[in-house]
C-alpha atoms as a PDB file:
ATOM      1  CA  PHE A   1      93.018  11.734  91.012  1.00  0.00           C
ATOM      2  CA  HIS A   2      90.035  10.528  90.212  1.00  0.00           C
ATOM      3  CA  PHE A   3      91.558   8.974  86.548  1.00  0.00           C
ATOM      4  CA  VAL A   4      93.461   6.952  88.896  1.00  0.00           C
ATOM      5  CA  THR A   5      90.886   6.157  91.906  1.00  0.00           C
ATOM      6  CA  MET A   6      87.775   5.564  89.579  1.00  0.00           C
ATOM      7  CA  PRO A   7      88.936   2.107  88.829  1.00  0.00           C
ATOM      8  CA  PHE A   8      89.797   1.859  91.957  1.00  0.00           C
ATOM      9  CA  SER A   9      86.358   2.812  93.203  1.00  0.00           C
ATOM     10  CA  HIS A  10      84.199   0.157  90.934  1.00  0.00           C
ATOM     11  CA  GLN A  11      86.357  -2.707  92.137  1.00  0.00           C
ATOM     12  CA  ILE A  12      85.181  -1.922  95.528  1.00  0.00           C
ATOM     13  CA  TYR A  13      81.804  -1.186  94.857  1.00  0.00           C
ATOM     14  CA  GLY A  14      81.980  -4.497  92.458  1.00  0.00           C
ATOM     15  CA  TYR A  15      83.386  -6.294  95.805  1.00  0.00           C
ATOM     16  CA  LEU A  16      80.874  -4.688  98.058  1.00  0.00           C
ATOM     17  CA  THR A  17      77.930  -5.858  95.736  1.00  0.00           C
ATOM     18  CA  SER A  18      78.787  -8.837  94.523  1.00  0.00           C
ATOM     19  CA  GLN A  19      81.650 -10.232  96.328  1.00  0.00           C
ATOM     20  CA  SER A  20      84.160 -10.813  93.724  1.00  0.00           C
ATOM     21  CA  ILE A  21      86.918  -8.061  92.353  1.00  0.00           C
ATOM     22  CA  GLU A  22      87.166  -7.197  88.902  1.00  0.00           C
ATOM     23  CA  ILE A  23      90.575  -6.265  88.069  1.00  0.00           C
ATOM     24  CA  GLU A  24      90.357  -3.463  84.794  1.00  0.00           C
ATOM     25  CA  PRO A  25      93.172  -1.829  83.301  1.00  0.00           C
ATOM     26  CA  LEU A  26      93.680   1.477  83.929  1.00  0.00           C
ATOM     27  CA  LEU A  27      94.574   2.792  80.607  1.00  0.00           C
ATOM     28  CA  PHE A  28      93.883   0.326  77.583  1.00  0.00           C
ATOM     29  CA  LEU A  29      97.576   0.104  76.481  1.00  0.00           C
ATOM     30  CA  HIS A  30      99.428  -2.501  74.880  1.00  0.00           C
ATOM     31  CA  TYR A  31     102.493  -3.928  76.844  1.00  0.00           C
ATOM     32  CA  PRO A  32     104.611  -6.399  76.241  1.00  0.00           C
ATOM     33  CA  PHE A  33     104.010  -8.435  79.705  1.00  0.00           C
ATOM     34  CA  ASP A  34     100.568  -8.723  80.770  1.00  0.00           C
ATOM     35  CA  GLN A  35      99.095  -5.963  82.875  1.00  0.00           C
ATOM     36  CA  LEU A  36      96.789  -7.293  84.927  1.00  0.00           C
ATOM     37  CA  GLN A  37      98.943  -9.916  86.767  1.00  0.00           C
ATOM     38  CA  PRO A  38      98.756  -8.623  90.692  1.00  0.00           C
ATOM     39  CA  LEU A  39     102.095  -7.378  90.852  1.00  0.00           C
ATOM     40  CA  ALA A  40     102.401  -5.895  87.634  1.00  0.00           C
ATOM     41  CA  TYR A  41      98.772  -4.066  87.907  1.00  0.00           C
ATOM     42  CA  ILE A  42     100.205  -2.484  91.434  1.00  0.00           C
ATOM     43  CA  CYS A  43     103.382  -1.741  89.843  1.00  0.00           C
ATOM     44  CA  ASN A  44     101.313  -0.043  86.493  1.00  0.00           C
ATOM     45  CA  TYR A  45      98.956   1.511  89.252  1.00  0.00           C
ATOM     46  CA  ILE A  46     101.772   3.285  91.612  1.00  0.00           C
ATOM     47  CA  TYR A  47     103.523   4.414  88.395  1.00  0.00           C
ATOM     48  CA  SER A  48      99.939   5.725  86.473  1.00  0.00           C
ATOM     49  CA  MET A  49      99.047   7.489  90.299  1.00  0.00           C
ATOM     50  CA  TRP A  50     103.354   9.110  89.828  1.00  0.00           C
ATOM     51  CA  CYS A  51     102.878  10.545  86.265  1.00  0.00           C
ATOM     52  CA  LEU A  52      99.386  11.702  87.183  1.00  0.00           C
ATOM     53  CA  ALA A  53     100.468  13.465  90.273  1.00  0.00           C
ATOM     54  CA  SER A  54     103.775  14.995  88.332  1.00  0.00           C
ATOM     55  CA  ALA A  55     101.384  15.800  85.164  1.00  0.00           C
ATOM     56  CA  VAL A  56      98.850  17.566  87.848  1.00  0.00           C
ATOM     57  CA  PHE A  57     101.006  19.368  90.086  1.00  0.00           C
ATOM     58  CA  SER A  58     103.033  20.841  86.974  1.00  0.00           C
ATOM     59  CA  SER A  59     100.201  22.483  85.548  1.00  0.00           C
ATOM     60  CA  VAL A  60      98.247  23.761  88.621  1.00  0.00           C
ATOM     61  CA  LEU A  61     101.579  25.012  89.458  1.00  0.00           C
ATOM     62  CA  ALA A  62     102.265  27.130  86.161  1.00  0.00           C
ATOM     63  CA  ASP A  63      98.305  28.048  86.554  1.00  0.00           C
ATOM     64  CA  ALA A  64      98.602  29.270  90.249  1.00  0.00           C
ATOM     65  CA  PHE A  65     101.871  31.358  89.526  1.00  0.00           C
ATOM     66  CA  PHE A  66      99.808  33.092  86.407  1.00  0.00           C
ATOM     67  CA  LEU A  67      96.481  33.729  88.320  1.00  0.00           C
ATOM     68  CA  SER A  68      98.738  35.370  91.261  1.00  0.00           C
ATOM     69  CA  ILE A  69     100.338  37.571  89.199  1.00  0.00           C
ATOM     70  CA  MET A  70      97.440  38.640  87.498  1.00  0.00           C
ATOM     71  CA  THR A  71      95.601  39.070  90.426  1.00  0.00           C
ATOM     72  CA  VAL A  72      98.434  41.463  92.094  1.00  0.00           C
ATOM     73  CA  THR A  73      98.151  43.203  88.982  1.00  0.00           C
ATOM     74  CA  CYS A  74      94.628  43.392  88.970  1.00  0.00           C
ATOM     75  CA  MET A  75      94.700  44.580  93.287  1.00  0.00           C
ATOM     76  CA  GLU A  76      96.904  47.145  92.266  1.00  0.00           C
ATOM     77  CA  PHE A  77      94.741  48.427  89.504  1.00  0.00           C
ATOM     78  CA  ASP A  78      91.934  48.495  92.100  1.00  0.00           C
ATOM     79  CA  ILE A  79      94.039  50.085  94.893  1.00  0.00           C
ATOM     80  CA  ILE A  80      94.855  53.019  92.217  1.00  0.00           C
ATOM     81  CA  GLY A  81      91.924  53.690  91.402  1.00  0.00           C
ATOM     82  CA  LYS A  82      90.535  53.901  94.786  1.00  0.00           C
ATOM     83  CA  ARG A  83      93.330  56.270  95.563  1.00  0.00           C
ATOM     84  CA  ILE A  84      92.248  58.520  92.840  1.00  0.00           C
ATOM     85  CA  SER A  85      88.560  58.201  93.887  1.00  0.00           C
ATOM     86  CA  GLU A  86      90.162  59.032  97.510  1.00  0.00           C
ATOM     87  CA  ILE A  87      91.838  62.628  96.457  1.00  0.00           C
ATOM     88  CA  ASN A  88      90.064  65.679  97.358  1.00  0.00           C
ATOM     89  CA  PRO A  89      91.206  69.208  95.348  1.00  0.00           C
ATOM     90  CA  LEU A  90      89.424  71.360  98.175  1.00  0.00           C
ATOM     91  CA  GLU A  91      91.826  70.044 100.574  1.00  0.00           C
ATOM     92  CA  GLY A  92      94.578  71.411  98.757  1.00  0.00           C
ATOM     93  CA  GLU A  93      95.364  71.820  94.685  1.00  0.00           C
ATOM     94  CA  LYS A  94      99.024  71.242  95.599  1.00  0.00           C
ATOM     95  CA  GLU A  95      98.890  68.127  96.879  1.00  0.00           C
ATOM     96  CA  ALA A  96      95.728  66.820  95.261  1.00  0.00           C
ATOM     97  CA  LEU A  97      98.258  67.158  91.824  1.00  0.00           C
ATOM     98  CA  LYS A  98     101.630  66.089  92.892  1.00  0.00           C
ATOM     99  CA  GLU A  99      99.270  62.864  94.149  1.00  0.00           C
ATOM    100  CA  LEU A 100      97.577  62.498  91.315  1.00  0.00           C
ATOM    101  CA  LYS A 101     101.039  62.347  89.500  1.00  0.00           C
ATOM    102  CA  LYS A 102     102.527  59.776  91.780  1.00  0.00           C
ATOM    103  CA  LEU A 103      99.329  58.118  91.139  1.00  0.00           C
ATOM    104  CA  VAL A 104      99.850  58.132  86.698  1.00  0.00           C
ATOM    105  CA  ASP A 105     103.369  56.874  87.128  1.00  0.00           C
ATOM    106  CA  ILE A 106     102.629  54.214  89.452  1.00  0.00           C
ATOM    107  CA  HIS A 107      99.386  53.804  86.489  1.00  0.00           C
ATOM    108  CA  GLN A 108     101.833  53.703  83.285  1.00  0.00           C
ATOM    109  CA  GLU A 109     104.021  51.249  85.648  1.00  0.00           C
ATOM    110  CA  LEU A 110     101.841  48.723  85.788  1.00  0.00           C
ATOM    111  CA  ILE A 111     100.928  49.228  81.881  1.00  0.00           C
ATOM    112  CA  LYS A 112     104.107  48.327  80.897  1.00  0.00           C
ATOM    113  CA  VAL A 113     104.008  45.281  83.307  1.00  0.00           C
ATOM    114  CA  THR A 114     100.646  44.256  82.460  1.00  0.00           C
ATOM    115  CA  GLU A 115     102.425  44.480  78.233  1.00  0.00           C
ATOM    116  CA  GLU A 116     105.662  42.324  79.495  1.00  0.00           C
ATOM    117  CA  LEU A 117     103.034  40.055  80.912  1.00  0.00           C
ATOM    118  CA  GLU A 118     101.120  39.552  78.298  1.00  0.00           C
ATOM    119  CA  GLU A 119     104.361  38.652  75.910  1.00  0.00           C
ATOM    120  CA  ILE A 120     105.649  36.271  78.345  1.00  0.00           C
ATOM    121  CA  PHE A 121     102.150  34.249  78.455  1.00  0.00           C
ATOM    122  CA  SER A 122     100.490  34.933  75.421  1.00  0.00           C
ATOM    123  CA  PHE A 123     102.005  31.899  73.759  1.00  0.00           C
ATOM    124  CA  PHE A 124     101.364  30.115  76.805  1.00  0.00           C
ATOM    125  CA  LEU A 125      98.049  31.145  77.240  1.00  0.00           C
ATOM    126  CA  LEU A 126      96.979  30.350  73.327  1.00  0.00           C
ATOM    127  CA  VAL A 127      98.123  27.006  74.021  1.00  0.00           C
ATOM    128  CA  ASP A 128      96.225  26.761  77.083  1.00  0.00           C
ATOM    129  CA  VAL A 129      92.739  27.580  75.587  1.00  0.00           C
ATOM    130  CA  MET A 130      93.285  25.673  72.712  1.00  0.00           C
ATOM    131  CA  SER A 131      94.027  22.467  74.763  1.00  0.00           C
ATOM    132  CA  VAL A 132      90.962  23.292  77.103  1.00  0.00           C
ATOM    133  CA  ILE A 133      88.672  23.579  73.932  1.00  0.00           C
ATOM    134  CA  ILE A 134      90.658  20.276  72.342  1.00  0.00           C
ATOM    135  CA  MET A 135      89.740  18.104  75.384  1.00  0.00           C
ATOM    136  CA  MET A 136      86.152  19.691  76.408  1.00  0.00           C
ATOM    137  CA  CYS A 137      85.247  18.361  72.860  1.00  0.00           C
ATOM    138  CA  ILE A 138      86.437  15.128  73.309  1.00  0.00           C
ATOM    139  CA  ILE A 139      85.113  14.686  76.649  1.00  0.00           C
ATOM    140  CA  GLY A 140      82.111  15.804  75.478  1.00  0.00           C
ATOM    141  CA  PHE A 141      81.464  13.941  73.045  1.00  0.00           C
ATOM    142  CA  LEU A 142      82.519  10.625  75.393  1.00  0.00           C
ATOM    143  CA  THR A 143      80.402  11.801  77.859  1.00  0.00           C
ATOM    144  CA  ILE A 144      77.274  12.201  74.927  1.00  0.00           C
ATOM    145  CA  VAL A 145      78.495   8.740  73.309  1.00  0.00           C
ATOM    146  CA  SER A 146      78.005   7.619  77.204  1.00  0.00           C
ATOM    147  CA  ILE A 147      74.868   8.926  77.920  1.00  0.00           C
ATOM    148  CA  LYS A 148      73.429   7.762  75.018  1.00  0.00           C
ATOM    149  CA  PHE A 149      74.362   4.193  75.627  1.00  0.00           C
ATOM    150  CA  PHE A 150      73.513   3.982  79.214  1.00  0.00           C
ATOM    151  CA  LEU A 151      69.692   5.485  78.280  1.00  0.00           C
ATOM    152  CA  GLU A 152      69.141   3.160  75.463  1.00  0.00           C
ATOM    153  CA  ASN A 153      70.231   0.156  77.620  1.00  0.00           C
ATOM    154  CA  ASN A 154      69.123   1.116  81.195  1.00  0.00           C
ATOM    155  CA  ILE A 155      66.098   3.107  81.028  1.00  0.00           C
ATOM    156  CA  ASP A 156      63.964   0.640  83.386  1.00  0.00           C
ATOM    157  CA  LYS A 157      66.722  -0.724  86.011  1.00  0.00           C
ATOM    158  CA  VAL A 158      70.170   2.065  86.478  1.00  0.00           C
ATOM    159  CA  GLU A 159      70.979   0.088  89.372  1.00  0.00           C
ATOM    160  CA  ASN A 160      70.215  -3.108  88.219  1.00  0.00           C
ATOM    161  CA  PHE A 161      71.765  -3.319  84.903  1.00  0.00           C
ATOM    162  CA  GLN A 162      75.236  -4.624  84.055  1.00  0.00           C
ATOM    163  CA  PHE A 163      77.064  -3.022  80.610  1.00  0.00           C
ATOM    164  CA  GLN A 164      78.481  -5.233  78.209  1.00  0.00           C
ATOM    165  CA  SER A 165      80.593  -3.098  76.503  1.00  0.00           C
ATOM    166  CA  GLY A 166      83.833  -0.978  77.768  1.00  0.00           C
ATOM    167  CA  ILE A 167      81.151   1.723  79.062  1.00  0.00           C
ATOM    168  CA  SER A 168      79.813   2.229  82.130  1.00  0.00           C
ATOM    169  CA  SER A 169      78.320   4.078  84.881  1.00  0.00           C
ATOM    170  CA  TYR A 170      82.379   4.991  86.621  1.00  0.00           C
ATOM    171  CA  LEU A 171      83.221   6.224  82.762  1.00  0.00           C
ATOM    172  CA  LEU A 172      80.197   8.370  82.560  1.00  0.00           C
ATOM    173  CA  THR A 173      80.798   9.879  86.148  1.00  0.00           C
ATOM    174  CA  LYS A 174      84.472  10.299  85.076  1.00  0.00           C
ATOM    175  CA  TYR A 175      84.066  11.551  81.995  1.00  0.00           C
ATOM    176  CA  ILE A 176      81.494  14.548  83.955  1.00  0.00           C
ATOM    177  CA  LEU A 177      83.994  15.022  86.362  1.00  0.00           C
ATOM    178  CA  GLU A 178      86.498  15.454  83.756  1.00  0.00           C
ATOM    179  CA  LEU A 179      84.603  18.116  82.237  1.00  0.00           C
ATOM    180  CA  ILE A 180      83.671  20.249  84.874  1.00  0.00           C
ATOM    181  CA  ALA A 181      87.824  20.128  85.718  1.00  0.00           C
ATOM    182  CA  ILE A 182      88.941  21.396  82.452  1.00  0.00           C
ATOM    183  CA  ALA A 183      85.506  23.771  82.352  1.00  0.00           C
ATOM    184  CA  TRP A 184      86.908  25.167  86.018  1.00  0.00           C
ATOM    185  CA  HIS A 185      90.081  25.682  84.223  1.00  0.00           C
ATOM    186  CA  GLY A 186      89.168  27.232  81.068  1.00  0.00           C
ATOM    187  CA  LEU A 187      86.788  29.644  84.181  1.00  0.00           C
ATOM    188  CA  LEU A 188      89.884  30.549  85.960  1.00  0.00           C
ATOM    189  CA  HIS A 189      91.452  32.727  82.623  1.00  0.00           C
ATOM    190  CA  CYS A 190      88.113  33.729  81.360  1.00  0.00           C
ATOM    191  CA  TYR A 191      87.702  35.629  84.860  1.00  0.00           C
ATOM    192  CA  VAL A 192      91.291  36.523  85.313  1.00  0.00           C
ATOM    193  CA  GLY A 193      91.340  37.781  81.935  1.00  0.00           C
ATOM    194  CA  ASN A 194      87.824  39.748  82.861  1.00  0.00           C
ATOM    195  CA  ARG A 195      89.229  41.513  85.787  1.00  0.00           C
ATOM    196  CA  LEU A 196      92.355  42.789  84.457  1.00  0.00           C
ATOM    197  CA  ILE A 197      90.564  43.930  80.784  1.00  0.00           C
ATOM    198  CA  THR A 198      87.915  45.940  83.216  1.00  0.00           C
END
């Protein structure tokens, strides 16, 4: 929620330091009304929070569903590996072969399940990975531009510098937080995919 809360926290910081509130639009869009009027700003803020919450929760729920299915599948493979390592043919060859046959059947069923999961989720994951890469490139570019601007205009006095352009320190913080969140999102998919392969 830092996308919507960062402008609000910037306003609180401005009020605490200079005793004035500078209202900034949440998104730089063209509305048929003045979005900086108090009622319009509050309605726009609430609407933006609702849209953000809907988008985040739908994405998080889809990822949580995928990750939970993949984690359970990986755990089943781990359990089969552990049960195979516990088979002792010295205690009885027939029982060991019977247990091994049972485990091979379960393993074959798990392979079928992973193939079905691959069919179901392959396009979704392709789109997800592509969107993560594109968003990391865009936000990485914005972060680099922000850092360059920040360093060129604010080398000596970081605390006392007022930015004259639209880029400020809270945007830099916002970009870095978004970059970390997107990288974490991609890392989760890579981790689960690696677990499934090994």
